[in-house]
Amino acid sequence: MKVEKGIPAPAPREVVEYPYDDMEVGDSFFVEGGTLNKLCYQNRKAGNRLNAKFTVRKVEGGVRVWRLA
């Protein structure tokens, strides 16, 4: 393997906070340009943490997340 110098490190990832903690059953939020895979993962993490259920659907311009329970 060859050691290389002068190659810049990648920029840090952007951290996005979604409003799961503020949601009640029936509430939703829209993520412009969001992807189903990313939001499904976030829904599962938030659902486990909050003991809640969320669903996500692709809509025009992005995705929308609803709290179901």
C-alpha atoms as a PDB file:
ATOM      1  CA  MET A   1       0.000   0.000   0.000  1.00  0.00           C
ATOM      2  CA  LYS A   2       1.210   3.492  -0.789  1.00  0.00           C
ATOM      3  CA  VAL A   3       0.917   6.462   1.621  1.00  0.00           C
ATOM      4  CA  GLU A   4      -0.363   9.587  -0.115  1.00  0.00           C
ATOM      5  CA  LYS A   5      -0.016  13.167   1.096  1.00  0.00           C
ATOM      6  CA  GLY A   6      -2.041  16.296   0.379  1.00  0.00           C
ATOM      7  CA  ILE A   7      -5.428  14.617  -0.113  1.00  0.00           C
ATOM      8  CA  PRO A   8      -8.091  16.601   1.791  1.00  0.00           C
ATOM      9  CA  ALA A   9     -10.370  14.805   4.241  1.00  0.00           C
ATOM     10  CA  PRO A  10     -14.076  14.675   3.345  1.00  0.00           C
ATOM     11  CA  ALA A  11     -16.387  17.285   4.836  1.00  0.00           C
ATOM     12  CA  PRO A  12     -18.273  16.240   7.988  1.00  0.00           C
ATOM     13  CA  ARG A  13     -21.744  14.817   7.461  1.00  0.00           C
ATOM     14  CA  GLU A  14     -24.677  17.139   7.898  1.00  0.00           C
ATOM     15  CA  VAL A  15     -26.772  16.240  10.935  1.00  0.00           C
ATOM     16  CA  VAL A  16     -30.499  16.759  10.440  1.00  0.00           C
ATOM     17  CA  GLU A  17     -32.866  16.789  13.402  1.00  0.00           C
ATOM     18  CA  TYR A  18     -36.392  15.641  12.595  1.00  0.00           C
ATOM     19  CA  PRO A  19     -39.288  16.760  14.857  1.00  0.00           C
ATOM     20  CA  TYR A  20     -40.308  13.291  16.107  1.00  0.00           C
ATOM     21  CA  ASP A  21     -40.355  14.409  19.768  1.00  0.00           C
ATOM     22  CA  ASP A  22     -42.870  17.184  19.031  1.00  0.00           C
ATOM     23  CA  MET A  23     -45.344  15.019  17.086  1.00  0.00           C
ATOM     24  CA  GLU A  24     -48.734  13.777  18.225  1.00  0.00           C
ATOM     25  CA  VAL A  25     -50.830  11.099  16.501  1.00  0.00           C
ATOM     26  CA  GLY A  26     -52.007  12.460  13.142  1.00  0.00           C
ATOM     27  CA  ASP A  27     -49.177  15.010  12.796  1.00  0.00           C
ATOM     28  CA  SER A  28     -46.807  14.925   9.833  1.00  0.00           C
ATOM     29  CA  PHE A  29     -43.733  16.659   8.466  1.00  0.00           C
ATOM     30  CA  PHE A  30     -42.356  17.071   4.947  1.00  0.00           C
ATOM     31  CA  VAL A  31     -38.732  16.507   3.917  1.00  0.00           C
ATOM     32  CA  GLU A  32     -37.927  18.195   0.627  1.00  0.00           C
ATOM     33  CA  GLY A  33     -35.806  15.893  -1.518  1.00  0.00           C
ATOM     34  CA  GLY A  34     -35.763  13.214   1.211  1.00  0.00           C
ATOM     35  CA  THR A  35     -35.399   9.525   0.422  1.00  0.00           C
ATOM     36  CA  LEU A  36     -37.603   6.678   1.599  1.00  0.00           C
ATOM     37  CA  ASN A  37     -34.646   4.595   2.798  1.00  0.00           C
ATOM     38  CA  LYS A  38     -33.247   7.318   5.035  1.00  0.00           C
ATOM     39  CA  LEU A  39     -36.619   8.238   6.544  1.00  0.00           C
ATOM     40  CA  CYS A  40     -37.655   4.604   7.095  1.00  0.00           C
ATOM     41  CA  TYR A  41     -34.477   4.149   9.121  1.00  0.00           C
ATOM     42  CA  GLN A  42     -35.113   7.352  11.086  1.00  0.00           C
ATOM     43  CA  ASN A  43     -38.746   6.300  11.683  1.00  0.00           C
ATOM     44  CA  ARG A  44     -37.629   2.975  13.124  1.00  0.00           C
ATOM     45  CA  LYS A  45     -35.085   4.634  15.449  1.00  0.00           C
ATOM     46  CA  ALA A  46     -37.578   7.277  16.635  1.00  0.00           C
ATOM     47  CA  GLY A  47     -40.359   4.712  16.988  1.00  0.00           C
ATOM     48  CA  ASN A  48     -38.228   2.506  19.228  1.00  0.00           C
ATOM     49  CA  ARG A  49     -37.078   5.458  21.314  1.00  0.00           C
ATOM     50  CA  LEU A  50     -40.558   6.972  21.731  1.00  0.00           C
ATOM     51  CA  ASN A  51     -42.595   3.745  21.662  1.00  0.00           C
ATOM     52  CA  ALA A  52     -44.517   5.181  18.693  1.00  0.00           C
ATOM     53  CA  LYS A  53     -45.341   4.225  15.108  1.00  0.00           C
ATOM     54  CA  PHE A  54     -44.508   6.282  12.027  1.00  0.00           C
ATOM     55  CA  THR A  55     -45.002   5.842   8.303  1.00  0.00           C
ATOM     56  CA  VAL A  56     -43.412   7.576   5.331  1.00  0.00           C
ATOM     57  CA  ARG A  57     -44.671   8.051   1.764  1.00  0.00           C
ATOM     58  CA  LYS A  58     -43.098   9.559  -1.298  1.00  0.00           C
ATOM     59  CA  VAL A  59     -44.959  12.720  -2.341  1.00  0.00           C
ATOM     60  CA  GLU A  60     -44.298  15.365  -4.959  1.00  0.00           C
ATOM     61  CA  GLY A  61     -40.969  17.025  -4.198  1.00  0.00           C
ATOM     62  CA  GLY A  62     -39.870  14.746  -1.344  1.00  0.00           C
ATOM     63  CA  VAL A  63     -41.298  12.515   1.365  1.00  0.00           C
ATOM     64  CA  ARG A  64     -43.803  12.991   4.175  1.00  0.00           C
ATOM     65  CA  VAL A  65     -43.717  11.284   7.587  1.00  0.00           C
ATOM     66  CA  TRP A  66     -46.866  10.734   9.689  1.00  0.00           C
ATOM     67  CA  ARG A  67     -47.177   9.618  13.300  1.00  0.00           C
ATOM     68  CA  LEU A  68     -49.709   6.780  13.502  1.00  0.00           C
ATOM     69  CA  ALA A  69     -49.572   5.803  17.173  1.00  0.00           C
END
